[in-house]
Amino acid sequence: MQAYMKSALPYHSVPTPLLREVCKATFVDLRFATAAHWQEQVLALWRAARFREERYAALDLSRGYR
């Protein structure tokens, strides 16, 4: 899959529906005091990612801000 996606990051090979389910369950109770704090956390997750799925989790978190 890594060669197909042309990604420098390795994959855990977690199926997308399962990854989204895990992210939803993990992020459901997260609250951020400010939009800046939310942005900090999304960027920290993105930048520290060692696997592609961690970047996908950062994207999920970025979509779920309330």
PDB file of N, CA and C in Angstrom:
ATOM      1  N   MET A   1       0.825  -1.186   0.000  1.00  0.00           N
ATOM      2  CA  MET A   1       0.000   0.000   0.000  1.00  0.00           C
ATOM      3  C   MET A   1       0.876   1.259   0.000  1.00  0.00           C
ATOM      4  N   GLN A   2       1.994   1.218   0.701  1.00  0.00           N
ATOM      5  CA  GLN A   2       2.868   2.381   0.772  1.00  0.00           C
ATOM      6  C   GLN A   2       3.357   2.789  -0.617  1.00  0.00           C
ATOM      7  N   ALA A   3       3.724   1.833  -1.434  1.00  0.00           N
ATOM      8  CA  ALA A   3       4.178   2.141  -2.788  1.00  0.00           C
ATOM      9  C   ALA A   3       3.034   2.697  -3.630  1.00  0.00           C
ATOM     10  N   TYR A   4       1.845   2.150  -3.459  1.00  0.00           N
ATOM     11  CA  TYR A   4       0.675   2.613  -4.201  1.00  0.00           C
ATOM     12  C   TYR A   4       0.355   4.059  -3.858  1.00  0.00           C
ATOM     13  N   MET A   5       0.430   4.412  -2.568  1.00  0.00           N
ATOM     14  CA  MET A   5       0.103   5.759  -2.125  1.00  0.00           C
ATOM     15  C   MET A   5       1.274   6.726  -2.297  1.00  0.00           C
ATOM     16  N   LYS A   6       2.420   6.213  -2.645  1.00  0.00           N
ATOM     17  CA  LYS A   6       3.628   7.020  -2.837  1.00  0.00           C
ATOM     18  C   LYS A   6       3.918   7.862  -1.601  1.00  0.00           C
ATOM     19  N   SER A   7       3.857   7.226  -0.470  1.00  0.00           N
ATOM     20  CA  SER A   7       4.053   7.898   0.804  1.00  0.00           C
ATOM     21  C   SER A   7       5.402   7.541   1.395  1.00  0.00           C
ATOM     22  N   ALA A   8       6.048   8.523   1.990  1.00  0.00           N
ATOM     23  CA  ALA A   8       7.299   8.264   2.700  1.00  0.00           C
ATOM     24  C   ALA A   8       7.024   7.632   4.063  1.00  0.00           C
ATOM     25  N   LEU A   9       5.802   7.804   4.554  1.00  0.00           N
ATOM     26  CA  LEU A   9       5.439   7.253   5.861  1.00  0.00           C
ATOM     27  C   LEU A   9       4.980   5.807   5.710  1.00  0.00           C
ATOM     28  N   PRO A  10       5.391   4.943   6.633  1.00  0.00           N
ATOM     29  CA  PRO A  10       4.894   3.567   6.601  1.00  0.00           C
ATOM     30  C   PRO A  10       3.439   3.505   7.054  1.00  0.00           C
ATOM     31  N   TYR A  11       2.801   2.398   6.756  1.00  0.00           N
ATOM     32  CA  TYR A  11       1.399   2.156   7.116  1.00  0.00           C
ATOM     33  C   TYR A  11       1.301   1.058   8.159  1.00  0.00           C
ATOM     34  N   HIS A  12       0.267   1.151   8.993  1.00  0.00           N
ATOM     35  CA  HIS A  12      -0.079   0.059   9.893  1.00  0.00           C
ATOM     36  C   HIS A  12      -1.067  -0.886   9.199  1.00  0.00           C
ATOM     37  N   SER A  13      -1.589  -0.470   8.066  1.00  0.00           N
ATOM     38  CA  SER A  13      -2.597  -1.219   7.299  1.00  0.00           C
ATOM     39  C   SER A  13      -3.926  -1.338   8.038  1.00  0.00           C
ATOM     40  N   VAL A  14      -4.289  -0.293   8.760  1.00  0.00           N
ATOM     41  CA  VAL A  14      -5.587  -0.242   9.432  1.00  0.00           C
ATOM     42  C   VAL A  14      -6.623   0.189   8.398  1.00  0.00           C
ATOM     43  N   PRO A  15      -7.696  -0.566   8.234  1.00  0.00           N
ATOM     44  CA  PRO A  15      -8.726  -0.187   7.268  1.00  0.00           C
ATOM     45  C   PRO A  15      -9.362   1.161   7.652  1.00  0.00           C
ATOM     46  N   THR A  16      -9.668   1.976   6.669  1.00  0.00           N
ATOM     47  CA  THR A  16     -10.211   3.308   6.904  1.00  0.00           C
ATOM     48  C   THR A  16     -11.458   3.308   7.784  1.00  0.00           C
ATOM     49  N   PRO A  17     -12.436   2.441   7.560  1.00  0.00           N
ATOM     50  CA  PRO A  17     -13.615   2.470   8.444  1.00  0.00           C
ATOM     51  C   PRO A  17     -13.261   2.231   9.917  1.00  0.00           C
ATOM     52  N   LEU A  18     -12.322   1.322  10.166  1.00  0.00           N
ATOM     53  CA  LEU A  18     -11.905   1.052  11.538  1.00  0.00           C
ATOM     54  C   LEU A  18     -11.162   2.257  12.122  1.00  0.00           C
ATOM     55  N   LEU A  19     -10.283   2.862  11.344  1.00  0.00           N
ATOM     56  CA  LEU A  19      -9.549   4.036  11.812  1.00  0.00           C
ATOM     57  C   LEU A  19     -10.508   5.168  12.160  1.00  0.00           C
ATOM     58  N   ARG A  20     -11.495   5.399  11.326  1.00  0.00           N
ATOM     59  CA  ARG A  20     -12.479   6.460  11.598  1.00  0.00           C
ATOM     60  C   ARG A  20     -13.286   6.165  12.853  1.00  0.00           C
ATOM     61  N   GLU A  21     -13.626   4.907  13.048  1.00  0.00           N
ATOM     62  CA  GLU A  21     -14.369   4.502  14.244  1.00  0.00           C
ATOM     63  C   GLU A  21     -13.535   4.755  15.507  1.00  0.00           C
ATOM     64  N   VAL A  22     -12.266   4.397  15.458  1.00  0.00           N
ATOM     65  CA  VAL A  22     -11.372   4.610  16.597  1.00  0.00           C
ATOM     66  C   VAL A  22     -11.194   6.104  16.864  1.00  0.00           C
ATOM     67  N   CYS A  23     -10.997   6.882  15.816  1.00  0.00           N
ATOM     68  CA  CYS A  23     -10.846   8.329  15.980  1.00  0.00           C
ATOM     69  C   CYS A  23     -12.106   8.946  16.570  1.00  0.00           C
ATOM     70  N   LYS A  24     -13.239   8.535  16.067  1.00  0.00           N
ATOM     71  CA  LYS A  24     -14.514   9.076  16.574  1.00  0.00           C
ATOM     72  C   LYS A  24     -14.661   8.781  18.061  1.00  0.00           C
ATOM     73  N   ALA A  25     -14.371   7.562  18.473  1.00  0.00           N
ATOM     74  CA  ALA A  25     -14.477   7.179  19.881  1.00  0.00           C
ATOM     75  C   ALA A  25     -13.444   7.912  20.738  1.00  0.00           C
ATOM     76  N   THR A  26     -12.279   8.130  20.187  1.00  0.00           N
ATOM     77  CA  THR A  26     -11.207   8.793  20.926  1.00  0.00           C
ATOM     78  C   THR A  26     -11.452  10.288  21.064  1.00  0.00           C
ATOM     79  N   PHE A  27     -11.954  10.916  20.022  1.00  0.00           N
ATOM     80  CA  PHE A  27     -12.099  12.367  19.999  1.00  0.00           C
ATOM     81  C   PHE A  27     -13.449  12.871  20.500  1.00  0.00           C
ATOM     82  N   VAL A  28     -14.398  11.986  20.736  1.00  0.00           N
ATOM     83  CA  VAL A  28     -15.767  12.397  21.053  1.00  0.00           C
ATOM     84  C   VAL A  28     -15.849  13.332  22.263  1.00  0.00           C
ATOM     85  N   ASP A  29     -15.047  13.096  23.279  1.00  0.00           N
ATOM     86  CA  ASP A  29     -15.127  13.905  24.492  1.00  0.00           C
ATOM     87  C   ASP A  29     -14.075  15.010  24.575  1.00  0.00           C
ATOM     88  N   LEU A  30     -13.276  15.169  23.535  1.00  0.00           N
ATOM     89  CA  LEU A  30     -12.260  16.217  23.548  1.00  0.00           C
ATOM     90  C   LEU A  30     -12.901  17.582  23.437  1.00  0.00           C
ATOM     91  N   ARG A  31     -12.426  18.488  24.259  1.00  0.00           N
ATOM     92  CA  ARG A  31     -12.866  19.879  24.197  1.00  0.00           C
ATOM     93  C   ARG A  31     -11.615  20.750  24.252  1.00  0.00           C
ATOM     94  N   PHE A  32     -11.608  21.806  23.510  1.00  0.00           N
ATOM     95  CA  PHE A  32     -10.481  22.727  23.484  1.00  0.00           C
ATOM     96  C   PHE A  32     -10.956  24.101  23.935  1.00  0.00           C
ATOM     97  N   ALA A  33     -10.134  24.751  24.742  1.00  0.00           N
ATOM     98  CA  ALA A  33     -10.502  26.057  25.290  1.00  0.00           C
ATOM     99  C   ALA A  33     -10.593  27.111  24.197  1.00  0.00           C
ATOM    100  N   THR A  34      -9.726  26.998  23.210  1.00  0.00           N
ATOM    101  CA  THR A  34      -9.710  27.988  22.130  1.00  0.00           C
ATOM    102  C   THR A  34      -9.448  27.291  20.801  1.00  0.00           C
ATOM    103  N   ALA A  35      -9.749  27.996  19.745  1.00  0.00           N
ATOM    104  CA  ALA A  35      -9.453  27.465  18.411  1.00  0.00           C
ATOM    105  C   ALA A  35      -7.948  27.322  18.220  1.00  0.00           C
ATOM    106  N   ALA A  36      -7.179  28.213  18.832  1.00  0.00           N
ATOM    107  CA  ALA A  36      -5.720  28.145  18.719  1.00  0.00           C
ATOM    108  C   ALA A  36      -5.191  26.867  19.381  1.00  0.00           C
ATOM    109  N   HIS A  37      -5.755  26.486  20.506  1.00  0.00           N
ATOM    110  CA  HIS A  37      -5.333  25.254  21.186  1.00  0.00           C
ATOM    111  C   HIS A  37      -5.685  24.032  20.344  1.00  0.00           C
ATOM    112  N   TRP A  38      -6.863  24.048  19.761  1.00  0.00           N
ATOM    113  CA  TRP A  38      -7.268  22.955  18.859  1.00  0.00           C
ATOM    114  C   TRP A  38      -6.296  22.848  17.689  1.00  0.00           C
ATOM    115  N   GLN A  39      -5.976  23.982  17.089  1.00  0.00           N
ATOM    116  CA  GLN A  39      -5.051  23.993  15.952  1.00  0.00           C
ATOM    117  C   GLN A  39      -3.676  23.472  16.364  1.00  0.00           C
ATOM    118  N   GLU A  40      -3.201  23.872  17.538  1.00  0.00           N
ATOM    119  CA  GLU A  40      -1.930  23.379  18.067  1.00  0.00           C
ATOM    120  C   GLU A  40      -1.908  21.862  18.149  1.00  0.00           C
ATOM    121  N   GLN A  41      -2.992  21.292  18.657  1.00  0.00           N
ATOM    122  CA  GLN A  41      -3.067  19.845  18.843  1.00  0.00           C
ATOM    123  C   GLN A  41      -3.115  19.102  17.508  1.00  0.00           C
ATOM    124  N   VAL A  42      -3.866  19.639  16.567  1.00  0.00           N
ATOM    125  CA  VAL A  42      -3.939  19.024  15.237  1.00  0.00           C
ATOM    126  C   VAL A  42      -2.554  19.040  14.584  1.00  0.00           C
ATOM    127  N   LEU A  43      -1.896  20.196  14.638  1.00  0.00           N
ATOM    128  CA  LEU A  43      -0.572  20.308  14.026  1.00  0.00           C
ATOM    129  C   LEU A  43       0.465  19.446  14.737  1.00  0.00           C
ATOM    130  N   ALA A  44       0.372  19.340  16.042  1.00  0.00           N
ATOM    131  CA  ALA A  44       1.308  18.487  16.785  1.00  0.00           C
ATOM    132  C   ALA A  44       1.139  17.027  16.375  1.00  0.00           C
ATOM    133  N   LEU A  45      -0.098  16.585  16.262  1.00  0.00           N
ATOM    134  CA  LEU A  45      -0.366  15.208  15.828  1.00  0.00           C
ATOM    135  C   LEU A  45       0.153  14.986  14.411  1.00  0.00           C
ATOM    136  N   TRP A  46      -0.104  15.927  13.525  1.00  0.00           N
ATOM    137  CA  TRP A  46       0.343  15.825  12.134  1.00  0.00           C
ATOM    138  C   TRP A  46       1.879  15.766  12.050  1.00  0.00           C
ATOM    139  N   ARG A  47       2.526  16.682  12.743  1.00  0.00           N
ATOM    140  CA  ARG A  47       3.983  16.791  12.641  1.00  0.00           C
ATOM    141  C   ARG A  47       4.728  15.642  13.315  1.00  0.00           C
ATOM    142  N   ALA A  48       4.146  15.072  14.353  1.00  0.00           N
ATOM    143  CA  ALA A  48       4.803  13.986  15.081  1.00  0.00           C
ATOM    144  C   ALA A  48       4.499  12.611  14.483  1.00  0.00           C
ATOM    145  N   ALA A  49       3.656  12.580  13.479  1.00  0.00           N
ATOM    146  CA  ALA A  49       3.229  11.298  12.893  1.00  0.00           C
ATOM    147  C   ALA A  49       4.421  10.506  12.362  1.00  0.00           C
ATOM    148  N   ARG A  50       4.437   9.236  12.736  1.00  0.00           N
ATOM    149  CA  ARG A  50       5.442   8.314  12.205  1.00  0.00           C
ATOM    150  C   ARG A  50       4.803   7.328  11.232  1.00  0.00           C
ATOM    151  N   PHE A  51       3.481   7.263  11.253  1.00  0.00           N
ATOM    152  CA  PHE A  51       2.735   6.379  10.365  1.00  0.00           C
ATOM    153  C   PHE A  51       1.620   7.176   9.691  1.00  0.00           C
ATOM    154  N   ARG A  52       1.252   6.751   8.517  1.00  0.00           N
ATOM    155  CA  ARG A  52       0.239   7.453   7.718  1.00  0.00           C
ATOM    156  C   ARG A  52      -1.092   7.569   8.465  1.00  0.00           C
ATOM    157  N   GLU A  53      -1.461   6.543   9.187  1.00  0.00           N
ATOM    158  CA  GLU A  53      -2.735   6.568   9.911  1.00  0.00           C
ATOM    159  C   GLU A  53      -2.769   7.675  10.961  1.00  0.00           C
ATOM    160  N   GLU A  54      -1.617   8.051  11.504  1.00  0.00           N
ATOM    161  CA  GLU A  54      -1.563   9.159  12.462  1.00  0.00           C
ATOM    162  C   GLU A  54      -1.890  10.476  11.766  1.00  0.00           C
ATOM    163  N   ARG A  55      -1.477  10.609  10.544  1.00  0.00           N
ATOM    164  CA  ARG A  55      -1.846  11.812   9.776  1.00  0.00           C
ATOM    165  C   ARG A  55      -3.344  11.816   9.479  1.00  0.00           C
ATOM    166  N   TYR A  56      -3.883  10.658   9.167  1.00  0.00           N
ATOM    167  CA  TYR A  56      -5.327  10.567   8.946  1.00  0.00           C
ATOM    168  C   TYR A  56      -6.091  10.933  10.218  1.00  0.00           C
ATOM    169  N   ALA A  57      -5.563  10.532  11.371  1.00  0.00           N
ATOM    170  CA  ALA A  57      -6.191  10.894  12.649  1.00  0.00           C
ATOM    171  C   ALA A  57      -6.153  12.403  12.851  1.00  0.00           C
ATOM    172  N   ALA A  58      -5.060  13.040  12.495  1.00  0.00           N
ATOM    173  CA  ALA A  58      -4.968  14.497  12.593  1.00  0.00           C
ATOM    174  C   ALA A  58      -6.020  15.157  11.707  1.00  0.00           C
ATOM    175  N   LEU A  59      -6.219  14.613  10.513  1.00  0.00           N
ATOM    176  CA  LEU A  59      -7.249  15.147   9.615  1.00  0.00           C
ATOM    177  C   LEU A  59      -8.637  14.965  10.216  1.00  0.00           C
ATOM    178  N   ASP A  60      -8.886  13.816  10.812  1.00  0.00           N
ATOM    179  CA  ASP A  60     -10.181  13.583  11.465  1.00  0.00           C
ATOM    180  C   ASP A  60     -10.403  14.569  12.600  1.00  0.00           C
ATOM    181  N   LEU A  61      -9.362  14.809  13.402  1.00  0.00           N
ATOM    182  CA  LEU A  61      -9.468  15.764  14.491  1.00  0.00           C
ATOM    183  C   LEU A  61      -9.735  17.167  13.957  1.00  0.00           C
ATOM    184  N   SER A  62      -9.120  17.494  12.840  1.00  0.00           N
ATOM    185  CA  SER A  62      -9.318  18.842  12.270  1.00  0.00           C
ATOM    186  C   SER A  62     -10.743  19.045  11.778  1.00  0.00           C
ATOM    187  N   ARG A  63     -11.400  17.972  11.402  1.00  0.00           N
ATOM    188  CA  ARG A  63     -12.796  18.079  10.925  1.00  0.00           C
ATOM    189  C   ARG A  63     -13.800  18.110  12.066  1.00  0.00           C
ATOM    190  N   GLY A  64     -13.392  17.650  13.245  1.00  0.00           N
ATOM    191  CA  GLY A  64     -14.351  17.463  14.319  1.00  0.00           C
ATOM    192  C   GLY A  64     -14.404  18.553  15.364  1.00  0.00           C
ATOM    193  N   TYR A  65     -13.776  19.693  15.114  1.00  0.00           N
ATOM    194  CA  TYR A  65     -13.756  20.760  16.121  1.00  0.00           C
ATOM    195  C   TYR A  65     -15.132  21.349  16.334  1.00  0.00           C
ATOM    196  N   ARG A  66     -15.501  21.515  17.626  1.00  0.00           N
ATOM    197  CA  ARG A  66     -16.773  22.159  17.953  1.00  0.00           C
ATOM    198  C   ARG A  66     -16.521  23.298  18.920  1.00  0.00           C
TER     199      ARG A  66
END
